């Protein structure tokens, strides 16, 4: 009887996915009826097959526990990341077209080619122009990148260019596009650029190139999840739970540098916690790893450099004394400063120059650092009003209420967000046999670092994106909270509160089931958007 009870919840979750998988087949049918594109049935069938294979893998790894949790974490991140990759096709993630351009430009440099023209427009193969300008490639004047608004036409364009598999000689000629790059560290785009380069070397068409670049970014993120779960002395399931959120998977399986940021933050913080509570001593190679990680991560988005504060959780005695600690801290900090100077010196100069700031998207003057220094009350008011009016939106978008290019139609339904929240909440409560290491003061320190990071994000968007006429800070999004979310939730674990029921594996399986439902539903919605 106990064995039957063990499988009741997972069986109900699978039935739920099957039922709504059939339900959303009628959405696909409606789209096919309008367009006559019967091949959409085949795509949906393949997605369903992969979804249920992924759920079977989740059952094998999380409920039957046939492999270690860290290996299972890496495998499941790849499985459900691939589901997100195909359900939400290339260039549909927030700002993904700019990140695709940056990865392509780096690929050009890898191949010894010129990356962009004098206007900053990236050189693409003529075969790949359709990705950046789906109408211009057909001789029309309107310019829009593939997937900016995710609809049935996106799949139609991909289907039209899926054959032949290899690009011809003419299609491989380099021509300037209409897209520019993101000014940040090239390390953030190395993985997708490698995928693009492989596709170009083997002369694959634009569809394979677009998917392969995304897949390499997903592999980087999955490797980080594997390593982070392996390193963490506690909260392993919690980190995997955050990695399995729909928004996390969507970003990880895209060209977005958010995948690189999340991978870097997860691994750096987990490495620090491992040194603090699991390792007997800090070795020179550990200092080298931390220094290299922060040198790669810090310049990508400066506010996430606060993760260096996790290193302060490591006891001084593990370094061999205060002198060794000071040398180690200085080495890590020096690598960060040098990386910042090499990559972001111009950006820092612009922020601190004191010149008037013009917000191009709003067509009006914006805030600047000197302006805020002389008006601290205005700064505090903007912070307060933003928290009051937008905190709920941050939470919902962090969980997945606006996937795609921040598209509110491509959303996780309210009951799905509720289910994911309950699962993360349960994983944040200590299991009966789970060891705890963080003291009250250390928990406060982690929360302080997360607060500083949020303050930095809000200040950066206030200075760089918010016009003076706005009553709140514009541009702060829930996805920016994901890199530190596992460690913020880790502070909720306490010896006073113990979860007596609910195995971590089954809770994670339910999150996988929600993911499966969400991505099937989104494919159905896209099929009907004509």
Protein backbone atom coordinates (compact mmCIF):
# COMPACT_ATOMS: atom_id res chain seq x y z
CA UNK A 1 0.00 0.00 0.00
CA UNK A 2 2.87 2.33 0.81
CA UNK A 3 4.34 1.72 -2.65
CA UNK A 4 0.99 2.58 -4.28
CA UNK A 5 0.77 5.81 -2.29
CA UNK A 6 4.30 6.71 -3.36
CA UNK A 7 3.25 6.71 -7.01
CA UNK A 8 -0.17 8.36 -6.68
CA UNK A 9 1.10 11.95 -6.83
CA UNK A 10 3.51 11.45 -9.77
CA UNK A 11 0.87 9.44 -11.66
CA UNK A 12 -1.65 12.26 -11.19
CA UNK A 13 0.92 14.77 -12.43
CA UNK A 14 1.58 12.70 -15.58
CA UNK A 15 -2.17 12.34 -16.20
CA UNK A 16 -2.48 16.13 -15.85
CA UNK A 17 0.18 16.64 -18.55
CA UNK A 18 -1.41 14.03 -20.84
CA UNK A 19 -4.87 15.58 -20.50
CA UNK A 20 -3.72 19.09 -21.29
CA UNK A 21 -1.38 17.82 -23.98
CA UNK A 22 -4.48 16.50 -25.76
CA UNK A 23 -6.38 19.69 -24.91
CA UNK A 24 -3.77 21.90 -26.59
CA UNK A 25 -3.69 19.63 -29.62
CA UNK A 26 -6.98 21.32 -30.52
CA UNK A 27 -5.15 24.69 -30.43
CA UNK A 28 -2.67 23.31 -32.95
CA UNK A 29 -5.58 22.00 -34.99
CA UNK A 30 -7.16 25.47 -35.03
CA UNK A 31 -3.93 26.99 -36.30
CA UNK A 32 -3.52 24.32 -38.99
CA UNK A 33 -7.11 24.92 -40.08
CA UNK A 34 -6.32 28.59 -40.70
CA UNK A 35 -2.91 28.16 -42.35
CA UNK A 36 -3.04 24.70 -43.91
CA UNK A 37 0.37 23.95 -42.39
CA UNK A 38 -0.21 20.32 -41.48
CA UNK A 39 3.44 19.88 -40.53
CA UNK A 40 2.60 21.69 -37.27
CA UNK A 41 1.00 18.41 -36.12
CA UNK A 42 4.33 16.70 -36.61
CA UNK A 43 6.21 19.35 -34.64
CA UNK A 44 3.71 19.15 -31.80
CA UNK A 45 3.91 15.36 -31.84
CA UNK A 46 7.70 15.51 -31.58
CA UNK A 47 7.44 18.01 -28.73
CA UNK A 48 4.98 15.73 -26.91
CA UNK A 49 7.28 12.75 -27.40
CA UNK A 50 10.23 14.64 -26.01
CA UNK A 51 8.17 15.99 -23.09
CA UNK A 52 7.13 12.52 -21.99
CA UNK A 53 10.62 11.12 -22.46
CA UNK A 54 11.86 13.95 -20.24
CA UNK A 55 9.20 13.17 -17.64
CA UNK A 56 10.25 9.52 -17.77
CA UNK A 57 13.85 10.61 -17.17
CA UNK A 58 12.69 12.79 -14.28
CA UNK A 59 10.89 9.79 -12.77
CA UNK A 60 14.01 7.67 -13.18
CA UNK A 61 16.29 10.26 -11.60
CA UNK A 62 14.13 11.98 -8.98
CA UNK A 63 11.74 9.33 -7.71
CA UNK A 64 13.65 6.12 -8.28
CA UNK A 65 16.94 7.96 -7.62
CA UNK A 66 19.00 5.78 -9.94
CA UNK A 67 21.77 8.37 -10.26
CA UNK A 68 23.30 11.01 -7.98
CA UNK A 69 21.36 14.23 -7.58
CA UNK A 70 24.09 16.34 -9.20
CA UNK A 71 24.22 14.15 -12.31
CA UNK A 72 20.43 14.08 -12.42
CA UNK A 73 20.40 17.88 -12.12
CA UNK A 74 22.60 18.26 -15.17
CA UNK A 75 20.61 15.76 -17.24
CA UNK A 76 17.22 17.24 -16.31
CA UNK A 77 18.40 20.77 -17.02
CA UNK A 78 19.36 19.64 -20.53
CA UNK A 79 16.11 17.69 -21.06
CA UNK A 80 13.71 20.43 -19.99
CA UNK A 81 15.97 23.13 -21.41
CA UNK A 82 15.64 21.44 -24.81
CA UNK A 83 11.88 21.41 -24.32
CA UNK A 84 11.98 25.16 -23.75
CA UNK A 85 14.34 25.61 -26.70
CA UNK A 86 11.93 24.00 -29.16
CA UNK A 87 8.69 25.29 -27.64
CA UNK A 88 10.00 28.88 -27.76
CA UNK A 89 12.12 28.96 -30.94
CA UNK A 90 15.23 31.08 -31.65
CA UNK A 91 15.41 34.82 -31.00
CA UNK A 92 12.18 34.90 -28.98
CA UNK A 93 13.78 35.56 -25.56
CA UNK A 94 14.16 39.11 -24.15
CA UNK A 95 16.74 41.07 -26.21
CA UNK A 96 17.87 37.79 -27.77
CA UNK A 97 18.48 39.30 -31.20
CA UNK A 98 21.20 41.60 -29.79
CA UNK A 99 22.80 38.71 -27.94
CA UNK A 100 22.65 36.60 -31.10
CA UNK A 101 24.45 39.41 -32.92
CA UNK A 102 27.14 39.52 -30.23
CA UNK A 103 27.64 35.76 -30.42
CA UNK A 104 27.80 35.93 -34.23
CA UNK A 105 30.35 38.75 -34.11
CA UNK A 106 32.51 36.67 -31.76
CA UNK A 107 32.13 33.72 -34.13
CA UNK A 108 33.42 35.93 -36.94
CA UNK A 109 36.50 36.72 -34.87
CA UNK A 110 36.98 33.02 -34.08
CA UNK A 111 37.09 32.37 -37.83
CA UNK A 112 39.46 35.27 -38.47
CA UNK A 113 36.84 37.40 -40.20
CA UNK A 114 35.77 41.01 -39.77
CA UNK A 115 32.99 41.10 -37.18
CA UNK A 116 31.02 44.24 -38.18
CA UNK A 117 30.97 47.15 -40.63
CA UNK A 118 31.77 50.79 -39.83
CA UNK A 119 28.22 51.32 -38.53
CA UNK A 120 28.54 48.45 -36.06
CA UNK A 121 26.20 46.14 -37.99
CA UNK A 122 27.33 42.53 -37.67
CA UNK A 123 28.37 40.60 -40.76
CA UNK A 124 26.24 37.47 -41.31
CA UNK A 125 26.15 34.83 -43.96
CA UNK A 126 23.49 35.78 -46.51
CA UNK A 127 21.82 32.49 -45.50
CA UNK A 128 21.39 33.86 -41.96
CA UNK A 129 19.97 37.28 -42.81
CA UNK A 130 16.44 35.94 -42.46
CA UNK A 131 17.04 35.49 -38.72
CA UNK A 132 17.68 39.19 -38.20
CA UNK A 133 15.19 40.54 -40.72
CA UNK A 134 12.46 38.11 -41.77
CA UNK A 135 10.71 40.62 -44.03
CA UNK A 136 13.75 42.35 -45.48
CA UNK A 137 15.10 38.98 -46.55
CA UNK A 138 11.99 38.65 -48.71
CA UNK A 139 12.49 42.08 -50.33
CA UNK A 140 10.02 43.99 -48.16
CA UNK A 141 10.76 47.26 -46.36
CA UNK A 142 9.62 46.34 -42.83
CA UNK A 143 12.39 45.04 -40.58
CA UNK A 144 11.77 42.66 -37.72
CA UNK A 145 13.86 39.85 -36.27
CA UNK A 146 12.68 36.28 -36.13
CA UNK A 147 10.66 35.53 -32.98
CA UNK A 148 10.42 39.10 -31.69
CA UNK A 149 6.70 38.48 -31.60
CA UNK A 150 6.38 34.74 -31.32
CA UNK A 151 3.62 33.44 -33.58
CA UNK A 152 2.90 30.76 -36.15
CA UNK A 153 4.82 32.72 -38.76
CA UNK A 154 8.02 32.12 -36.78
CA UNK A 155 7.68 28.38 -37.30
CA UNK A 156 6.71 28.95 -40.94
CA UNK A 157 9.93 30.87 -41.59
CA UNK A 158 11.99 28.16 -39.89
CA UNK A 159 10.21 25.43 -41.87
CA UNK A 160 10.81 27.29 -45.12
CA UNK A 161 14.56 27.44 -44.46
CA UNK A 162 15.03 24.01 -42.88
CA UNK A 163 15.99 22.43 -46.21
CA UNK A 164 18.45 21.93 -47.70
CA UNK A 165 20.46 21.06 -44.60
CA UNK A 166 23.66 22.65 -45.91
CA UNK A 167 24.07 26.22 -47.14
CA UNK A 168 25.23 26.71 -50.70
CA UNK A 169 28.32 28.68 -51.75
CA UNK A 170 26.32 31.82 -52.49
CA UNK A 171 24.44 31.66 -49.20
CA UNK A 172 27.73 31.59 -47.28
CA UNK A 173 28.86 35.00 -48.53
CA UNK A 174 29.22 37.56 -45.73
CA UNK A 175 26.95 40.61 -45.83
CA UNK A 176 26.17 43.33 -43.24
CA UNK A 177 23.00 42.83 -41.20
CA UNK A 178 20.75 45.42 -39.53
CA UNK A 179 21.69 44.44 -35.96
CA UNK A 180 24.42 45.58 -33.58
CA UNK A 181 26.09 43.97 -30.60
CA UNK A 182 25.84 44.27 -26.82
CA UNK A 183 28.82 46.00 -25.23
CA UNK A 184 30.00 43.52 -22.62
CA UNK A 185 32.64 40.86 -22.03
CA UNK A 186 33.07 38.40 -24.93
CA UNK A 187 33.15 35.58 -22.36
CA UNK A 188 29.37 35.94 -21.98
CA UNK A 189 28.90 34.80 -25.59
CA UNK A 190 31.68 32.25 -25.96
CA UNK A 191 29.41 29.17 -25.69
CA UNK A 192 26.78 30.25 -28.26
CA UNK A 193 29.51 31.66 -30.51
CA UNK A 194 31.16 28.24 -30.45
CA UNK A 195 27.88 26.67 -31.55
CA UNK A 196 27.53 29.18 -34.40
CA UNK A 197 31.13 28.56 -35.43
CA UNK A 198 30.61 24.79 -35.54
CA UNK A 199 27.51 25.27 -37.70
CA UNK A 200 29.45 27.52 -40.08
CA UNK A 201 32.43 25.18 -40.32
CA UNK A 202 30.14 22.29 -41.29
CA UNK A 203 28.12 24.65 -43.55
CA UNK A 204 24.78 23.99 -41.89
CA UNK A 205 21.79 26.15 -42.81
CA UNK A 206 20.47 29.05 -40.73
CA UNK A 207 17.96 26.91 -38.81
CA UNK A 208 20.60 24.48 -37.54
CA UNK A 209 22.90 27.41 -36.76
CA UNK A 210 20.23 29.19 -34.72
CA UNK A 211 19.41 26.11 -32.66
CA UNK A 212 23.02 24.95 -32.22
CA UNK A 213 24.13 28.27 -30.74
CA UNK A 214 21.31 28.11 -28.24
CA UNK A 215 22.09 24.50 -27.40
CA UNK A 216 25.70 25.34 -26.53
CA UNK A 217 24.49 28.04 -24.13
CA UNK A 218 22.20 25.45 -22.53
CA UNK A 219 25.11 23.02 -22.15
CA UNK A 220 27.11 25.70 -20.33
CA UNK A 221 24.23 26.34 -17.95
CA UNK A 222 23.61 22.61 -17.37
CA UNK A 223 27.31 22.09 -16.59
CA UNK A 224 27.10 24.89 -14.03
CA UNK A 225 23.99 23.37 -12.44
CA UNK A 226 25.75 20.01 -12.23
CA UNK A 227 28.86 21.53 -10.64
CA UNK A 228 26.90 23.80 -8.31
CA UNK A 229 24.69 20.99 -6.98
CA UNK A 230 27.78 18.82 -6.52
CA UNK A 231 29.59 21.56 -4.58
CA UNK A 232 26.75 22.78 -2.37
CA UNK A 233 26.94 21.32 1.14
CA UNK A 234 23.21 21.98 1.64
CA UNK A 235 20.27 23.18 -0.44
CA UNK A 236 21.09 21.03 -3.48
CA UNK A 237 17.44 20.39 -4.37
CA UNK A 238 16.64 24.06 -3.90
CA UNK A 239 19.17 25.14 -6.53
CA UNK A 240 17.85 22.53 -8.95
CA UNK A 241 14.32 23.78 -8.30
CA UNK A 242 15.33 27.32 -9.32
CA UNK A 243 17.09 25.90 -12.40
CA UNK A 244 13.82 24.18 -13.40
CA UNK A 245 11.68 27.33 -13.32
CA UNK A 246 10.20 28.07 -16.78
CA UNK A 247 11.88 31.50 -16.97
CA UNK A 248 15.26 30.01 -16.01
CA UNK A 249 14.97 27.29 -18.64
CA UNK A 250 13.82 29.77 -21.29
CA UNK A 251 16.84 32.02 -20.67
CA UNK A 252 19.27 29.11 -20.38
CA UNK A 253 18.15 27.75 -23.78
CA UNK A 254 18.56 31.08 -25.57
CA UNK A 255 21.39 33.35 -26.72
CA UNK A 256 20.84 35.62 -23.71
CA UNK A 257 23.86 36.35 -21.54
CA UNK A 258 21.53 35.79 -18.58
CA UNK A 259 22.41 32.10 -19.00
CA UNK A 260 26.08 32.97 -18.48
CA UNK A 261 25.29 35.21 -15.49
CA UNK A 262 23.15 32.56 -13.79
CA UNK A 263 25.75 29.88 -14.49
CA UNK A 264 28.52 32.06 -13.06
CA UNK A 265 26.62 33.16 -9.95
CA UNK A 266 25.39 29.65 -9.17
CA UNK A 267 28.88 28.18 -9.44
CA UNK A 268 30.77 30.98 -7.67
CA UNK A 269 28.42 31.07 -4.67
CA UNK A 270 28.31 27.26 -4.44
CA UNK A 271 32.12 27.11 -4.59
CA UNK A 272 32.38 29.62 -1.74
CA UNK A 273 29.87 27.69 0.40
CA UNK A 274 31.77 24.48 -0.31
CA UNK A 275 35.03 26.09 0.83
CA UNK A 276 33.32 27.52 3.89
CA UNK A 277 31.64 24.36 5.15
CA UNK A 278 32.96 21.26 3.35
CA UNK A 279 36.66 21.74 2.60
CA UNK A 280 39.26 21.52 5.37
CA UNK A 281 41.44 24.25 3.84
CA UNK A 282 41.57 26.72 0.97
CA UNK A 283 44.19 25.84 -1.66
CA UNK A 284 45.92 28.11 -4.15
CA UNK A 285 43.95 26.53 -6.96
CA UNK A 286 40.72 27.54 -5.17
CA UNK A 287 41.84 31.17 -5.14
CA UNK A 288 42.68 30.89 -8.84
CA UNK A 289 39.23 29.46 -9.60
CA UNK A 290 37.44 32.24 -7.67
CA UNK A 291 39.59 34.92 -9.28
CA UNK A 292 39.04 33.65 -12.81
CA UNK A 293 35.30 33.24 -12.21
CA UNK A 294 34.81 36.77 -10.95
CA UNK A 295 37.04 38.18 -13.71
CA UNK A 296 34.78 36.51 -16.28
CA UNK A 297 31.46 37.22 -14.54
CA UNK A 298 31.93 40.70 -13.08
CA UNK A 299 32.28 42.70 -16.33
CA UNK A 300 29.16 41.09 -17.83
CA UNK A 301 26.82 42.89 -15.43
CA UNK A 302 28.68 44.80 -12.76
CA UNK A 303 26.00 44.54 -10.07
CA UNK A 304 26.47 40.77 -9.82
CA UNK A 305 30.03 41.33 -8.61
CA UNK A 306 28.46 41.43 -5.13
CA UNK A 307 28.76 37.63 -5.16
CA UNK A 308 32.39 38.23 -4.13
CA UNK A 309 30.89 38.81 -0.69
CA UNK A 310 30.16 35.07 -0.46
CA UNK A 311 33.90 34.53 -0.12
CA UNK A 312 33.74 36.34 3.22
CA UNK A 313 31.78 33.37 4.58
CA UNK A 314 34.98 31.30 4.38
CA UNK A 315 36.72 31.25 7.81
CA UNK A 316 40.11 32.98 7.92
CA UNK A 317 41.71 29.91 9.53
CA UNK A 318 41.10 27.91 6.33
CA UNK A 319 43.49 30.28 4.55
CA UNK A 320 46.18 29.72 7.16
CA UNK A 321 45.90 33.10 8.84
CA UNK A 322 45.14 36.76 8.19
CA UNK A 323 48.17 37.34 5.96
CA UNK A 324 47.26 34.53 3.57
CA UNK A 325 43.64 35.67 3.66
CA UNK A 326 44.61 39.25 2.74
CA UNK A 327 46.83 38.08 -0.13
CA UNK A 328 44.07 35.80 -1.44
CA UNK A 329 41.42 38.52 -1.19
CA UNK A 330 43.72 41.00 -2.88
CA UNK A 331 44.45 38.60 -5.74
CA UNK A 332 40.74 37.96 -6.40
CA UNK A 333 39.91 41.66 -6.17
CA UNK A 334 42.81 42.59 -8.46
CA UNK A 335 41.64 40.18 -11.15
CA UNK A 336 38.16 41.69 -10.93
CA UNK A 337 39.47 45.26 -11.19
CA UNK A 338 41.69 44.42 -14.16
CA UNK A 339 38.80 42.71 -15.95
CA UNK A 340 36.53 45.68 -15.28
CA UNK A 341 39.14 48.10 -16.56
CA UNK A 342 39.66 46.06 -19.71
CA UNK A 343 35.97 45.63 -20.55
CA UNK A 344 33.89 48.34 -18.87
CA UNK A 345 36.13 51.41 -18.50
CA UNK A 346 34.11 53.40 -21.04
CA UNK A 347 30.78 52.41 -19.47
CA UNK A 348 31.98 53.43 -16.01
CA UNK A 349 33.25 56.74 -17.39
CA UNK A 350 29.86 57.49 -18.97
CA UNK A 351 27.99 56.77 -15.72
CA UNK A 352 30.31 58.93 -13.62
CA UNK A 353 31.03 61.75 -16.09
CA UNK A 354 28.15 63.92 -14.90
CA UNK A 355 26.90 64.81 -18.38
CA UNK A 356 23.22 64.97 -19.16
CA UNK A 357 21.63 61.60 -19.84
CA UNK A 358 19.27 61.11 -22.78
CA UNK A 359 16.90 58.11 -22.79
CA UNK A 360 16.49 57.23 -26.44
CA UNK A 361 13.49 54.90 -26.10
CA UNK A 362 11.47 57.62 -24.32
CA UNK A 363 12.84 60.51 -26.37
CA UNK A 364 13.56 62.65 -23.32
CA UNK A 365 16.12 63.47 -20.66
CA UNK A 366 16.93 60.87 -18.03
CA UNK A 367 18.56 60.61 -14.62
CA UNK A 368 22.32 60.79 -14.00
CA UNK A 369 24.57 59.99 -11.04
CA UNK A 370 25.30 63.68 -10.20
CA UNK A 371 21.57 64.46 -10.47
CA UNK A 372 20.77 61.79 -7.88
CA UNK A 373 23.65 62.75 -5.60
CA UNK A 374 22.24 66.27 -5.33
CA UNK A 375 18.67 64.99 -4.90
CA UNK A 376 18.83 62.04 -2.46
CA UNK A 377 15.14 62.41 -1.56
CA UNK A 378 14.20 61.90 -5.22
CA UNK A 379 16.38 58.81 -5.37
CA UNK A 380 14.79 57.30 -2.25
CA UNK A 381 11.30 58.13 -3.50
CA UNK A 382 11.94 56.37 -6.81
CA UNK A 383 13.24 53.29 -5.00
CA UNK A 384 10.23 53.18 -2.70
CA UNK A 385 7.62 53.75 -5.42
CA UNK A 386 9.21 51.11 -7.61
CA UNK A 387 9.17 48.51 -4.84
CA UNK A 388 5.55 49.33 -3.98
CA UNK A 389 4.25 49.19 -7.54
CA UNK A 390 6.46 46.64 -9.27
CA UNK A 391 7.58 44.01 -6.73
CA UNK A 392 4.60 41.78 -7.54
CA UNK A 393 5.38 42.00 -11.27
CA UNK A 394 9.02 41.08 -10.59
CA UNK A 395 7.92 37.97 -8.76
CA UNK A 396 5.47 36.88 -11.46
CA UNK A 397 7.88 37.46 -14.34
CA UNK A 398 10.66 35.70 -12.42
CA UNK A 399 8.44 32.63 -12.27
CA UNK A 400 7.37 32.90 -15.93
CA UNK A 401 4.32 35.12 -16.31
CA UNK A 402 5.78 36.74 -19.46
CA UNK A 403 7.99 34.42 -21.48
CA UNK A 404 9.12 35.07 -25.02
CA UNK A 405 10.08 38.70 -25.54
CA UNK A 406 8.30 39.67 -22.30
CA UNK A 407 5.07 38.62 -23.99
CA UNK A 408 2.15 38.50 -21.48
CA UNK A 409 0.27 36.07 -23.74
CA UNK A 410 3.10 33.52 -23.45
CA UNK A 411 2.64 33.10 -19.73
CA UNK A 412 2.62 30.42 -17.08
CA UNK A 413 -1.01 30.37 -15.83
CA UNK A 414 -1.71 31.58 -12.31
CA UNK A 415 -2.23 28.06 -10.95
CA UNK A 416 1.10 27.03 -12.48
CA UNK A 417 2.91 29.91 -10.77
CA UNK A 418 1.14 28.97 -7.53
CA UNK A 419 2.26 25.34 -7.87
CA UNK A 420 5.86 26.32 -8.61
CA UNK A 421 5.85 28.72 -5.66
CA UNK A 422 4.55 26.03 -3.31
CA UNK A 423 7.23 23.61 -4.55
CA UNK A 424 10.03 26.15 -4.06
CA UNK A 425 8.61 27.01 -0.64
CA UNK A 426 8.62 23.34 0.35
CA UNK A 427 12.22 22.92 -0.85
CA UNK A 428 13.15 25.96 1.26
CA UNK A 429 12.10 24.11 4.42
CA UNK A 430 14.66 21.82 6.00
CA UNK A 431 14.28 18.09 5.54
CA UNK A 432 14.48 16.05 8.72
CA UNK A 433 17.97 14.72 7.98
CA UNK A 434 19.36 17.78 6.19
CA UNK A 435 22.47 19.36 7.67
CA UNK A 436 22.46 23.13 8.25
CA UNK A 437 25.56 25.28 8.28
CA UNK A 438 24.52 28.92 8.05
CA UNK A 439 24.32 30.90 11.27
CA UNK A 440 21.89 33.75 11.77
CA UNK A 441 24.58 36.33 11.02
CA UNK A 442 25.64 34.54 7.85
CA UNK A 443 22.05 34.42 6.65
CA UNK A 444 21.75 38.16 7.21
CA UNK A 445 24.96 38.65 5.22
CA UNK A 446 23.57 36.72 2.24
CA UNK A 447 20.33 38.71 2.39
CA UNK A 448 22.38 41.91 2.60
CA UNK A 449 24.34 40.95 -0.53
CA UNK A 450 21.09 40.18 -2.38
CA UNK A 451 19.70 43.54 -1.25
CA UNK A 452 22.80 45.36 -2.48
CA UNK A 453 22.49 43.57 -5.81
CA UNK A 454 18.85 44.61 -6.14
CA UNK A 455 19.74 48.19 -5.19
CA UNK A 456 22.47 48.17 -7.82
CA UNK A 457 20.07 46.84 -10.46
CA UNK A 458 17.49 49.50 -9.64
CA UNK A 459 20.08 52.28 -9.64
CA UNK A 460 21.57 51.13 -12.96
CA UNK A 461 18.15 51.08 -14.61
CA UNK A 462 17.25 54.43 -13.05
CA UNK A 463 20.36 56.02 -14.57
CA UNK A 464 20.45 54.13 -17.83
CA UNK A 465 16.78 53.53 -18.77
CA UNK A 466 14.39 55.78 -16.84
CA UNK A 467 13.18 59.19 -18.15
CA UNK A 468 12.66 62.06 -15.71
CA UNK A 469 8.90 61.96 -16.32
CA UNK A 470 8.55 58.40 -14.98
CA UNK A 471 7.17 57.84 -11.49
CA UNK A 472 8.93 54.47 -11.09
CA UNK A 473 12.20 52.95 -12.25
CA UNK A 474 11.79 51.47 -15.72
CA UNK A 475 13.36 48.29 -17.02
CA UNK A 476 13.90 46.20 -13.87
CA UNK A 477 12.68 42.67 -14.58
CA UNK A 478 12.05 39.60 -12.50
CA UNK A 479 14.62 37.53 -14.42
CA UNK A 480 17.35 39.71 -12.90
CA UNK A 481 16.58 38.15 -9.50
CA UNK A 482 17.23 34.54 -10.58
CA UNK A 483 21.06 34.43 -10.16
CA UNK A 484 20.87 34.87 -6.38
CA UNK A 485 17.43 33.35 -5.76
CA UNK A 486 18.64 29.87 -4.61
CA UNK A 487 20.87 31.39 -1.96
CA UNK A 488 18.22 33.83 -0.72
CA UNK A 489 15.81 30.90 -0.30
CA UNK A 490 18.57 28.92 1.41
CA UNK A 491 18.44 31.39 4.31
CA UNK A 492 14.88 30.22 5.04
CA UNK A 493 16.11 26.80 6.18
CA UNK A 494 16.00 26.56 9.96
CA UNK A 495 16.33 23.96 12.70
CA UNK A 496 13.04 25.20 14.14
CA UNK A 497 11.06 24.28 11.02
CA UNK A 498 11.29 20.77 9.62
CA UNK A 499 9.43 19.24 6.68
CA UNK A 500 8.38 15.78 7.79
CA UNK A 501 6.61 14.78 4.57
CA UNK A 502 7.29 15.44 0.91
CA UNK A 503 10.42 13.92 -0.57
CA UNK A 504 12.61 16.44 -2.44
CA UNK A 505 12.65 14.21 -5.52
CA UNK A 506 8.87 14.12 -5.81
CA UNK A 507 8.60 17.88 -5.30
CA UNK A 508 11.11 18.41 -8.12
CA UNK A 509 9.17 15.94 -10.27
CA UNK A 510 6.04 18.05 -9.83
CA UNK A 511 8.00 21.09 -11.01
CA UNK A 512 9.06 19.09 -14.08
CA UNK A 513 5.41 18.25 -14.73
CA UNK A 514 4.48 21.94 -14.57
CA UNK A 515 7.29 22.69 -17.04
CA UNK A 516 6.01 19.99 -19.40
CA UNK A 517 2.49 21.42 -19.28
CA UNK A 518 3.70 25.00 -19.73
CA UNK A 519 5.76 24.32 -22.85
CA UNK A 520 3.04 22.22 -24.49
CA UNK A 521 0.56 24.99 -23.79
CA UNK A 522 2.85 27.66 -25.20
CA UNK A 523 3.34 25.72 -28.42
CA UNK A 524 -0.43 25.51 -28.76
CA UNK A 525 -0.80 29.26 -28.23
CA UNK A 526 1.89 30.08 -30.78
CA UNK A 527 0.19 27.77 -33.30
CA UNK A 528 -2.95 29.91 -33.17
CA UNK A 529 -1.22 33.32 -33.31
CA UNK A 530 -1.54 34.26 -36.97
